[in-house]
Amino acid sequence: SSIVSSANKPIMFILLNFNNEDLWVLFSILFLPLYFVTIAGNILIVILVILDQRLHTPMYFFLGNLSCLETCYSSTIMPRMLVSFLTGDRTISIKGCFTQLYFFGSFAAAECYLLAVMSYDRYLAICRPLHYVTLMDGRICIMLIAGSWISGFLGMNIVLYFVSQLRFCGPNKINHFFCDLTPMVRLSCILPSFLITLTSYAFIINSILRIASTTGKQKAFSTCSSHLTVVACFYGSLMIVYVLPNMNSLSDLKKVFSLFYTLLTPLVNPLVYSLRNKEVKEAIKKTLFKMFNRIY
């Protein structure tokens, strides 16, 4: 079917993916198992947080929501990209592009807010431990989570409205592997939440440095090291993609780093929390033990 109407207006877009088509099959072989591991790992975190009573704390409540968000926003990009690599079909309808843009933008913006909430939670736990229980009770946790999700989707509703008013009458090629937002639009939601996260960790590091014993410092830092790893991967890749100047020589490099926040960051989240967290390890062992007992 034609991708341009009789009035020379595009009815479909062409996603350019990566310039080297010989690598598409290799990317598919590499990314498909990574995607399944990412989805399985994040779903496992959500299930553990729901089932294990020991994980019914604010930190793990936020972690469960983070895993849910990363499952959702990774799934708005990766299946379509993998199909494109395998079939060579790089076209996407304007409605399909807007739909992908809306959901990916909403989930990514919600994650920015949620990472800020999680950093604030760690700030209270380390810098205000005596007031933590009252300042981060169940009602406040639910309000913070709801605010993160609602803010992400409401913000994208406004963005999508203005984007939908644009008239597409020129080139119909998008130099990316998904329908992405412009740098200015994306940075409009990144910067405030990033500054909140950065400020929280400035206070956290200052409080940790004031602890006299080395053991106390290590224990305090261990409570936020996993979250800090996820923050560094997520914001680091975003900043590289959207702060570097728009140059043809950097286009493929930016696409590679886009894979970091669309695939690798959601993969890092369950790995760092499961491999470096004692409570999650024990919850996994407990769940597996119950499953084997039911089977045998």
C-alpha atoms as a PDB file:
ATOM      1  CA  SER A   1       0.000   0.000   0.000  1.00  0.00           C
ATOM      2  CA  SER A   2       1.106   3.578  -0.632  1.00  0.00           C
ATOM      3  CA  ILE A   3       2.716   5.504   2.186  1.00  0.00           C
ATOM      4  CA  VAL A   4       1.929   8.886   0.608  1.00  0.00           C
ATOM      5  CA  SER A   5      -1.561  10.191  -0.221  1.00  0.00           C
ATOM      6  CA  SER A   6      -2.524  11.774  -3.505  1.00  0.00           C
ATOM      7  CA  ALA A   7      -1.968  15.199  -1.953  1.00  0.00           C
ATOM      8  CA  ASN A   8       1.666  14.297  -1.239  1.00  0.00           C
ATOM      9  CA  LYS A   9       0.907  14.072   2.460  1.00  0.00           C
ATOM     10  CA  PRO A  10       2.397  11.037   4.223  1.00  0.00           C
ATOM     11  CA  ILE A  11      -0.069   8.570   5.692  1.00  0.00           C
ATOM     12  CA  MET A  12       2.732   6.448   7.093  1.00  0.00           C
ATOM     13  CA  PHE A  13       6.188   7.079   8.476  1.00  0.00           C
ATOM     14  CA  ILE A  14       9.391   5.142   7.760  1.00  0.00           C
ATOM     15  CA  LEU A  15      11.589   4.340  10.757  1.00  0.00           C
ATOM     16  CA  LEU A  16      15.212   4.306   9.611  1.00  0.00           C
ATOM     17  CA  ASN A  17      16.484   2.036  12.429  1.00  0.00           C
ATOM     18  CA  PHE A  18      20.268   1.539  12.158  1.00  0.00           C
ATOM     19  CA  ASN A  19      22.062   2.294   8.907  1.00  0.00           C
ATOM     20  CA  ASN A  20      23.741  -1.121   8.636  1.00  0.00           C
ATOM     21  CA  GLU A  21      20.978  -3.529   7.591  1.00  0.00           C
ATOM     22  CA  ASP A  22      23.320  -6.522   7.889  1.00  0.00           C
ATOM     23  CA  LEU A  23      23.216  -6.062  11.666  1.00  0.00           C
ATOM     24  CA  TRP A  24      19.411  -6.226  11.939  1.00  0.00           C
ATOM     25  CA  VAL A  25      19.234 -10.018  12.260  1.00  0.00           C
ATOM     26  CA  LEU A  26      22.103  -9.957  14.761  1.00  0.00           C
ATOM     27  CA  PHE A  27      20.282  -7.314  16.792  1.00  0.00           C
ATOM     28  CA  SER A  28      17.131  -9.435  16.748  1.00  0.00           C
ATOM     29  CA  ILE A  29      18.986 -12.504  18.023  1.00  0.00           C
ATOM     30  CA  LEU A  30      20.604 -10.411  20.754  1.00  0.00           C
ATOM     31  CA  PHE A  31      17.654  -8.246  21.831  1.00  0.00           C
ATOM     32  CA  LEU A  32      14.862 -10.841  21.792  1.00  0.00           C
ATOM     33  CA  PRO A  33      16.207 -12.911  24.737  1.00  0.00           C
ATOM     34  CA  LEU A  34      17.203  -9.711  26.551  1.00  0.00           C
ATOM     35  CA  TYR A  35      13.654  -8.423  26.181  1.00  0.00           C
ATOM     36  CA  PHE A  36      12.146 -11.633  27.571  1.00  0.00           C
ATOM     37  CA  VAL A  37      14.604 -11.607  30.493  1.00  0.00           C
ATOM     38  CA  THR A  38      13.738  -7.962  31.155  1.00  0.00           C
ATOM     39  CA  ILE A  39       9.990  -8.619  31.189  1.00  0.00           C
ATOM     40  CA  ALA A  40      10.344 -11.780  33.292  1.00  0.00           C
ATOM     41  CA  GLY A  41      12.655 -10.086  35.798  1.00  0.00           C
ATOM     42  CA  ASN A  42      10.431  -7.059  36.295  1.00  0.00           C
ATOM     43  CA  ILE A  43       7.257  -9.146  36.562  1.00  0.00           C
ATOM     44  CA  LEU A  44       9.024 -11.315  39.148  1.00  0.00           C
ATOM     45  CA  ILE A  45       9.821  -8.213  41.216  1.00  0.00           C
ATOM     46  CA  VAL A  46       6.153  -7.132  41.079  1.00  0.00           C
ATOM     47  CA  ILE A  47       4.951 -10.604  42.145  1.00  0.00           C
ATOM     48  CA  LEU A  48       7.449 -10.780  45.017  1.00  0.00           C
ATOM     49  CA  VAL A  49       6.455  -7.340  46.308  1.00  0.00           C
ATOM     50  CA  ILE A  50       2.782  -8.380  46.270  1.00  0.00           C
ATOM     51  CA  LEU A  51       3.190 -11.834  47.838  1.00  0.00           C
ATOM     52  CA  ASP A  52       5.976 -11.414  50.407  1.00  0.00           C
ATOM     53  CA  GLN A  53       4.931  -9.609  53.603  1.00  0.00           C
ATOM     54  CA  ARG A  54       8.524  -8.602  54.345  1.00  0.00           C
ATOM     55  CA  LEU A  55       8.538  -6.494  51.173  1.00  0.00           C
ATOM     56  CA  HIS A  56       5.435  -4.518  52.170  1.00  0.00           C
ATOM     57  CA  THR A  57       7.461  -1.367  52.883  1.00  0.00           C
ATOM     58  CA  PRO A  58       7.556   1.991  51.071  1.00  0.00           C
ATOM     59  CA  MET A  59      10.876   1.232  49.327  1.00  0.00           C
ATOM     60  CA  TYR A  60       9.619  -2.036  47.833  1.00  0.00           C
ATOM     61  CA  PHE A  61       6.195  -0.556  47.073  1.00  0.00           C
ATOM     62  CA  PHE A  62       7.971   2.026  44.920  1.00  0.00           C
ATOM     63  CA  LEU A  63      10.229  -0.668  43.454  1.00  0.00           C
ATOM     64  CA  GLY A  64       7.209  -2.734  42.407  1.00  0.00           C
ATOM     65  CA  ASN A  65       5.730   0.272  40.631  1.00  0.00           C
ATOM     66  CA  LEU A  66       9.079   1.002  38.973  1.00  0.00           C
ATOM     67  CA  SER A  67       9.229  -2.572  37.649  1.00  0.00           C
ATOM     68  CA  CYS A  68       5.655  -2.258  36.369  1.00  0.00           C
ATOM     69  CA  LEU A  69       6.492   1.021  34.605  1.00  0.00           C
ATOM     70  CA  GLU A  70       9.631  -0.372  33.003  1.00  0.00           C
ATOM     71  CA  THR A  71       7.737  -3.434  31.776  1.00  0.00           C
ATOM     72  CA  CYS A  72       5.148  -1.164  30.173  1.00  0.00           C
ATOM     73  CA  TYR A  73       7.423   1.368  28.513  1.00  0.00           C
ATOM     74  CA  SER A  74       9.896  -1.237  27.276  1.00  0.00           C
ATOM     75  CA  SER A  75       6.974  -3.123  25.712  1.00  0.00           C
ATOM     76  CA  THR A  76       5.843  -0.061  23.764  1.00  0.00           C
ATOM     77  CA  ILE A  77       9.163  -0.059  21.869  1.00  0.00           C
ATOM     78  CA  MET A  78      10.863  -3.448  21.746  1.00  0.00           C
ATOM     79  CA  PRO A  79       8.208  -5.730  20.105  1.00  0.00           C
ATOM     80  CA  ARG A  80       7.691  -3.304  17.223  1.00  0.00           C
ATOM     81  CA  MET A  81      11.449  -2.820  16.811  1.00  0.00           C
ATOM     82  CA  LEU A  82      12.135  -6.580  16.823  1.00  0.00           C
ATOM     83  CA  VAL A  83       9.442  -7.185  14.192  1.00  0.00           C
ATOM     84  CA  SER A  84      10.994  -4.441  12.066  1.00  0.00           C
ATOM     85  CA  PHE A  85      14.444  -6.034  12.346  1.00  0.00           C
ATOM     86  CA  LEU A  86      13.148  -9.498  11.473  1.00  0.00           C
ATOM     87  CA  THR A  87      10.802  -8.575   8.606  1.00  0.00           C
ATOM     88  CA  GLY A  88      12.492  -5.455   7.248  1.00  0.00           C
ATOM     89  CA  ASP A  89       9.160  -3.591   7.422  1.00  0.00           C
ATOM     90  CA  ARG A  90      10.059  -0.157   8.712  1.00  0.00           C
ATOM     91  CA  THR A  91       6.734   1.582   8.095  1.00  0.00           C
ATOM     92  CA  ILE A  92       4.387   2.749  10.832  1.00  0.00           C
ATOM     93  CA  SER A  93       1.081   4.562  10.429  1.00  0.00           C
ATOM     94  CA  ILE A  94       0.659   8.077  11.753  1.00  0.00           C
ATOM     95  CA  LYS A  95      -1.918   6.824  14.277  1.00  0.00           C
ATOM     96  CA  GLY A  96       0.421   4.014  15.289  1.00  0.00           C
ATOM     97  CA  CYS A  97       3.274   6.486  15.676  1.00  0.00           C
ATOM     98  CA  PHE A  98       1.157   8.800  17.837  1.00  0.00           C
ATOM     99  CA  THR A  99       0.028   5.857  19.968  1.00  0.00           C
ATOM    100  CA  GLN A 100       3.611   4.697  20.519  1.00  0.00           C
ATOM    101  CA  LEU A 101       4.686   8.268  21.212  1.00  0.00           C
ATOM    102  CA  TYR A 102       1.904   8.758  23.774  1.00  0.00           C
ATOM    103  CA  PHE A 103       2.410   5.593  25.791  1.00  0.00           C
ATOM    104  CA  PHE A 104       6.211   5.614  25.700  1.00  0.00           C
ATOM    105  CA  GLY A 105       6.315   9.302  26.629  1.00  0.00           C
ATOM    106  CA  SER A 106       3.779   8.804  29.427  1.00  0.00           C
ATOM    107  CA  PHE A 107       5.582   5.814  30.946  1.00  0.00           C
ATOM    108  CA  ALA A 108       9.017   7.447  30.612  1.00  0.00           C
ATOM    109  CA  ALA A 109       7.799  10.703  32.198  1.00  0.00           C
ATOM    110  CA  ALA A 110       6.098   8.756  35.009  1.00  0.00           C
ATOM    111  CA  GLU A 111       9.390   6.933  35.606  1.00  0.00           C
ATOM    112  CA  CYS A 112      11.236  10.251  35.900  1.00  0.00           C
ATOM    113  CA  TYR A 113       8.798  11.332  38.611  1.00  0.00           C
ATOM    114  CA  LEU A 114       8.931   7.930  40.313  1.00  0.00           C
ATOM    115  CA  LEU A 115      12.745   7.937  40.445  1.00  0.00           C
ATOM    116  CA  ALA A 116      12.519  11.347  42.125  1.00  0.00           C
ATOM    117  CA  VAL A 117      10.002   9.919  44.627  1.00  0.00           C
ATOM    118  CA  MET A 118      12.296   6.964  45.343  1.00  0.00           C
ATOM    119  CA  SER A 119      15.265   9.269  45.922  1.00  0.00           C
ATOM    120  CA  TYR A 120      13.112  11.332  48.316  1.00  0.00           C
ATOM    121  CA  ASP A 121      12.177   8.110  50.127  1.00  0.00           C
ATOM    122  CA  ARG A 122      15.868   7.229  50.565  1.00  0.00           C
ATOM    123  CA  TYR A 123      16.566  10.804  51.711  1.00  0.00           C
ATOM    124  CA  LEU A 124      13.973  10.460  54.476  1.00  0.00           C
ATOM    125  CA  ALA A 125      15.217   6.992  55.451  1.00  0.00           C
ATOM    126  CA  ILE A 126      18.841   8.162  55.816  1.00  0.00           C
ATOM    127  CA  CYS A 127      18.566  11.837  56.753  1.00  0.00           C
ATOM    128  CA  ARG A 128      15.282  11.769  58.747  1.00  0.00           C
ATOM    129  CA  PRO A 129      15.123   8.217  60.161  1.00  0.00           C
ATOM    130  CA  LEU A 130      13.167   9.179  63.314  1.00  0.00           C
ATOM    131  CA  HIS A 131      10.389  10.784  61.265  1.00  0.00           C
ATOM    132  CA  TYR A 132      10.435   8.270  58.391  1.00  0.00           C
ATOM    133  CA  VAL A 133       7.428   6.222  59.523  1.00  0.00           C
ATOM    134  CA  THR A 134       5.168   9.264  59.869  1.00  0.00           C
ATOM    135  CA  LEU A 135       6.438  11.056  56.754  1.00  0.00           C
ATOM    136  CA  MET A 136       6.175   7.990  54.516  1.00  0.00           C
ATOM    137  CA  ASP A 137       3.042   6.163  55.635  1.00  0.00           C
ATOM    138  CA  GLY A 138       0.758   4.118  53.372  1.00  0.00           C
ATOM    139  CA  ARG A 139      -1.507   7.021  52.377  1.00  0.00           C
ATOM    140  CA  ILE A 140       1.407   9.250  51.398  1.00  0.00           C
ATOM    141  CA  CYS A 141       3.017   6.406  49.417  1.00  0.00           C
ATOM    142  CA  ILE A 142      -0.175   5.882  47.419  1.00  0.00           C
ATOM    143  CA  MET A 143      -0.488   9.620  46.771  1.00  0.00           C
ATOM    144  CA  LEU A 144       3.116   9.835  45.542  1.00  0.00           C
ATOM    145  CA  ILE A 145       2.664   6.846  43.226  1.00  0.00           C
ATOM    146  CA  ALA A 146      -0.646   8.140  41.895  1.00  0.00           C
ATOM    147  CA  GLY A 147       0.899  11.560  41.357  1.00  0.00           C
ATOM    148  CA  SER A 148       3.782  10.038  39.353  1.00  0.00           C
ATOM    149  CA  TRP A 149       1.489   8.030  37.049  1.00  0.00           C
ATOM    150  CA  ILE A 150      -1.100  10.796  36.605  1.00  0.00           C
ATOM    151  CA  SER A 151       1.526  13.500  35.989  1.00  0.00           C
ATOM    152  CA  GLY A 152       3.189  11.373  33.303  1.00  0.00           C
ATOM    153  CA  PHE A 153      -0.036  10.747  31.410  1.00  0.00           C
ATOM    154  CA  LEU A 154      -1.493  14.246  31.829  1.00  0.00           C
ATOM    155  CA  GLY A 155       1.716  15.819  30.569  1.00  0.00           C
ATOM    156  CA  MET A 156       1.725  13.619  27.477  1.00  0.00           C
ATOM    157  CA  ASN A 157      -1.932  14.430  26.768  1.00  0.00           C
ATOM    158  CA  ILE A 158      -0.946  18.076  26.409  1.00  0.00           C
ATOM    159  CA  VAL A 159       2.092  17.240  24.280  1.00  0.00           C
ATOM    160  CA  LEU A 160       0.146  14.873  22.042  1.00  0.00           C
ATOM    161  CA  TYR A 161      -2.589  17.453  21.485  1.00  0.00           C
ATOM    162  CA  PHE A 162      -0.107  19.965  20.085  1.00  0.00           C
ATOM    163  CA  VAL A 163       1.734  17.326  18.044  1.00  0.00           C
ATOM    164  CA  SER A 164      -1.570  16.155  16.546  1.00  0.00           C
ATOM    165  CA  GLN A 165      -2.197  19.692  15.259  1.00  0.00           C
ATOM    166  CA  LEU A 166       0.897  19.517  13.057  1.00  0.00           C
ATOM    167  CA  ARG A 167       0.477  18.999   9.323  1.00  0.00           C
ATOM    168  CA  PHE A 168       2.806  16.441   7.821  1.00  0.00           C
ATOM    169  CA  CYS A 169       3.536  17.376   4.227  1.00  0.00           C
ATOM    170  CA  GLY A 170       7.297  16.883   3.868  1.00  0.00           C
ATOM    171  CA  PRO A 171       9.681  13.936   4.238  1.00  0.00           C
ATOM    172  CA  ASN A 172       8.110  10.970   6.000  1.00  0.00           C
ATOM    173  CA  LYS A 173      11.316   9.424   7.332  1.00  0.00           C
ATOM    174  CA  ILE A 174      12.075   9.317  11.079  1.00  0.00           C
ATOM    175  CA  ASN A 175      15.762   8.837  11.819  1.00  0.00           C
ATOM    176  CA  HIS A 176      15.153   6.540  14.779  1.00  0.00           C
ATOM    177  CA  PHE A 177      13.886   3.037  15.575  1.00  0.00           C
ATOM    178  CA  PHE A 178      10.733   4.359  17.292  1.00  0.00           C
ATOM    179  CA  CYS A 179       8.541   7.469  17.325  1.00  0.00           C
ATOM    180  CA  ASP A 180      10.460   9.620  19.764  1.00  0.00           C
ATOM    181  CA  LEU A 181       9.803  13.043  21.254  1.00  0.00           C
ATOM    182  CA  THR A 182      11.860  16.098  20.388  1.00  0.00           C
ATOM    183  CA  PRO A 183      14.726  16.930  22.754  1.00  0.00           C
ATOM    184  CA  MET A 184      13.031  20.023  24.154  1.00  0.00           C
ATOM    185  CA  VAL A 185       9.779  18.226  24.920  1.00  0.00           C
ATOM    186  CA  ARG A 186      11.579  15.328  26.600  1.00  0.00           C
ATOM    187  CA  LEU A 187      13.869  17.591  28.615  1.00  0.00           C
ATOM    188  CA  SER A 188      10.868  19.568  29.870  1.00  0.00           C
ATOM    189  CA  CYS A 189       9.920  16.622  32.115  1.00  0.00           C
ATOM    190  CA  ILE A 190      13.435  15.269  32.661  1.00  0.00           C
ATOM    191  CA  LEU A 191      15.081  18.317  34.206  1.00  0.00           C
ATOM    192  CA  PRO A 192      12.737  19.021  37.185  1.00  0.00           C
ATOM    193  CA  SER A 193      12.625  15.388  38.315  1.00  0.00           C
ATOM    194  CA  PHE A 194      16.369  15.017  37.724  1.00  0.00           C
ATOM    195  CA  LEU A 195      17.081  18.073  39.889  1.00  0.00           C
ATOM    196  CA  ILE A 196      14.909  16.637  42.694  1.00  0.00           C
ATOM    197  CA  THR A 197      16.798  13.344  42.474  1.00  0.00           C
ATOM    198  CA  LEU A 198      20.166  15.121  42.383  1.00  0.00           C
ATOM    199  CA  THR A 199      19.278  17.301  45.390  1.00  0.00           C
ATOM    200  CA  SER A 200      18.063  14.308  47.404  1.00  0.00           C
ATOM    201  CA  TYR A 201      21.299  12.435  46.793  1.00  0.00           C
ATOM    202  CA  ALA A 202      23.364  15.493  47.672  1.00  0.00           C
ATOM    203  CA  PHE A 203      21.740  15.466  51.128  1.00  0.00           C
ATOM    204  CA  ILE A 204      22.066  11.673  51.354  1.00  0.00           C
ATOM    205  CA  ILE A 205      25.801  11.718  50.564  1.00  0.00           C
ATOM    206  CA  ASN A 206      26.335  14.576  53.011  1.00  0.00           C
ATOM    207  CA  SER A 207      24.563  12.589  55.769  1.00  0.00           C
ATOM    208  CA  ILE A 208      26.521   9.408  54.994  1.00  0.00           C
ATOM    209  CA  LEU A 209      29.837  11.275  55.166  1.00  0.00           C
ATOM    210  CA  ARG A 210      28.939  12.498  58.656  1.00  0.00           C
ATOM    211  CA  ILE A 211      28.566   8.935  59.979  1.00  0.00           C
ATOM    212  CA  ALA A 212      31.580   8.145  62.140  1.00  0.00           C
ATOM    213  CA  SER A 213      31.956   4.388  61.661  1.00  0.00           C
ATOM    214  CA  THR A 214      32.922   2.763  58.361  1.00  0.00           C
ATOM    215  CA  THR A 215      30.356   0.008  58.943  1.00  0.00           C
ATOM    216  CA  GLY A 216      27.625   2.604  59.428  1.00  0.00           C
ATOM    217  CA  LYS A 217      28.587   4.353  56.196  1.00  0.00           C
ATOM    218  CA  GLN A 218      28.528   1.094  54.242  1.00  0.00           C
ATOM    219  CA  LYS A 219      25.150   0.112  55.686  1.00  0.00           C
ATOM    220  CA  ALA A 220      23.641   3.522  54.893  1.00  0.00           C
ATOM    221  CA  PHE A 221      25.011   3.539  51.344  1.00  0.00           C
ATOM    222  CA  SER A 222      23.811  -0.024  50.685  1.00  0.00           C
ATOM    223  CA  THR A 223      20.203   1.080  51.214  1.00  0.00           C
ATOM    224  CA  CYS A 224      20.351   3.412  48.212  1.00  0.00           C
ATOM    225  CA  SER A 225      23.107   1.967  45.992  1.00  0.00           C
ATOM    226  CA  SER A 226      20.705  -0.147  43.882  1.00  0.00           C
ATOM    227  CA  HIS A 227      18.427   2.816  43.207  1.00  0.00           C
ATOM    228  CA  LEU A 228      21.428   5.023  42.434  1.00  0.00           C
ATOM    229  CA  THR A 229      22.622   2.472  39.843  1.00  0.00           C
ATOM    230  CA  VAL A 230      19.249   2.554  38.070  1.00  0.00           C
ATOM    231  CA  VAL A 231      19.164   6.378  38.196  1.00  0.00           C
ATOM    232  CA  ALA A 232      22.678   6.624  36.734  1.00  0.00           C
ATOM    233  CA  CYS A 233      21.851   4.276  33.838  1.00  0.00           C
ATOM    234  CA  PHE A 234      18.502   5.925  33.064  1.00  0.00           C
ATOM    235  CA  TYR A 235      19.478   9.584  33.253  1.00  0.00           C
ATOM    236  CA  GLY A 236      22.984   9.006  31.901  1.00  0.00           C
ATOM    237  CA  SER A 237      21.668   7.537  28.656  1.00  0.00           C
ATOM    238  CA  LEU A 238      18.911  10.171  28.378  1.00  0.00           C
ATOM    239  CA  MET A 239      21.365  13.020  28.774  1.00  0.00           C
ATOM    240  CA  ILE A 240      23.713  11.593  26.145  1.00  0.00           C
ATOM    241  CA  VAL A 241      20.861  11.179  23.656  1.00  0.00           C
ATOM    242  CA  TYR A 242      19.219  14.558  24.190  1.00  0.00           C
ATOM    243  CA  VAL A 243      22.083  16.861  25.180  1.00  0.00           C
ATOM    244  CA  LEU A 244      24.569  15.952  22.439  1.00  0.00           C
ATOM    245  CA  PRO A 245      24.154  18.164  19.325  1.00  0.00           C
ATOM    246  CA  ASN A 246      22.087  16.879  16.390  1.00  0.00           C
ATOM    247  CA  MET A 247      24.726  15.735  13.915  1.00  0.00           C
ATOM    248  CA  ASN A 248      24.494  13.010  11.274  1.00  0.00           C
ATOM    249  CA  SER A 249      27.745  11.496  12.538  1.00  0.00           C
ATOM    250  CA  LEU A 250      26.184  11.039  15.994  1.00  0.00           C
ATOM    251  CA  SER A 251      22.798   9.672  14.885  1.00  0.00           C
ATOM    252  CA  ASP A 252      23.705   5.978  15.199  1.00  0.00           C
ATOM    253  CA  LEU A 253      25.497   6.619  18.501  1.00  0.00           C
ATOM    254  CA  LYS A 254      22.354   8.229  19.885  1.00  0.00           C
ATOM    255  CA  LYS A 255      20.287   5.261  18.740  1.00  0.00           C
ATOM    256  CA  VAL A 256      22.645   2.925  20.604  1.00  0.00           C
ATOM    257  CA  PHE A 257      22.255   4.933  23.811  1.00  0.00           C
ATOM    258  CA  SER A 258      18.496   5.027  23.251  1.00  0.00           C
ATOM    259  CA  LEU A 259      18.632   1.258  23.644  1.00  0.00           C
ATOM    260  CA  PHE A 260      20.048   1.816  27.125  1.00  0.00           C
ATOM    261  CA  TYR A 261      16.894   3.477  28.468  1.00  0.00           C
ATOM    262  CA  THR A 262      14.466   1.407  26.383  1.00  0.00           C
ATOM    263  CA  LEU A 263      15.969  -2.033  27.084  1.00  0.00           C
ATOM    264  CA  LEU A 264      19.060  -2.115  29.287  1.00  0.00           C
ATOM    265  CA  THR A 265      17.785   0.127  32.118  1.00  0.00           C
ATOM    266  CA  PRO A 266      14.633  -2.009  32.569  1.00  0.00           C
ATOM    267  CA  LEU A 267      16.959  -5.049  32.576  1.00  0.00           C
ATOM    268  CA  VAL A 268      19.337  -3.507  35.131  1.00  0.00           C
ATOM    269  CA  ASN A 269      16.520  -2.765  37.576  1.00  0.00           C
ATOM    270  CA  PRO A 270      15.551  -6.356  38.511  1.00  0.00           C
ATOM    271  CA  LEU A 271      19.179  -7.512  38.312  1.00  0.00           C
ATOM    272  CA  VAL A 272      20.622  -4.990  40.759  1.00  0.00           C
ATOM    273  CA  TYR A 273      17.717  -5.334  43.170  1.00  0.00           C
ATOM    274  CA  SER A 274      17.783  -9.144  43.083  1.00  0.00           C
ATOM    275  CA  LEU A 275      21.556  -9.656  43.106  1.00  0.00           C
ATOM    276  CA  ARG A 276      22.451  -6.940  45.621  1.00  0.00           C
ATOM    277  CA  ASN A 277      19.437  -7.024  47.939  1.00  0.00           C
ATOM    278  CA  LYS A 278      19.172  -9.517  50.774  1.00  0.00           C
ATOM    279  CA  GLU A 279      15.402  -9.159  51.235  1.00  0.00           C
ATOM    280  CA  VAL A 280      14.673  -9.782  47.553  1.00  0.00           C
ATOM    281  CA  LYS A 281      16.995 -12.806  47.483  1.00  0.00           C
ATOM    282  CA  GLU A 282      15.210 -14.295  50.488  1.00  0.00           C
ATOM    283  CA  ALA A 283      11.821 -13.561  48.914  1.00  0.00           C
ATOM    284  CA  ILE A 284      12.879 -15.367  45.709  1.00  0.00           C
ATOM    285  CA  LYS A 285      14.075 -18.398  47.714  1.00  0.00           C
ATOM    286  CA  LYS A 286      10.848 -18.444  49.729  1.00  0.00           C
ATOM    287  CA  THR A 287       8.670 -18.226  46.611  1.00  0.00           C
ATOM    288  CA  LEU A 288      10.618 -20.957  44.792  1.00  0.00           C
ATOM    289  CA  PHE A 289      10.440 -23.190  47.884  1.00  0.00           C
ATOM    290  CA  LYS A 290       6.643 -22.815  48.009  1.00  0.00           C
ATOM    291  CA  MET A 291       6.357 -23.554  44.277  1.00  0.00           C
ATOM    292  CA  PHE A 292       8.419 -26.769  44.560  1.00  0.00           C
ATOM    293  CA  ASN A 293       6.411 -27.904  47.579  1.00  0.00           C
ATOM    294  CA  ARG A 294       3.174 -27.503  45.648  1.00  0.00           C
ATOM    295  CA  ILE A 295       4.544 -29.384  42.663  1.00  0.00           C
ATOM    296  CA  TYR A 296       6.030 -32.273  44.640  1.00  0.00           C
END
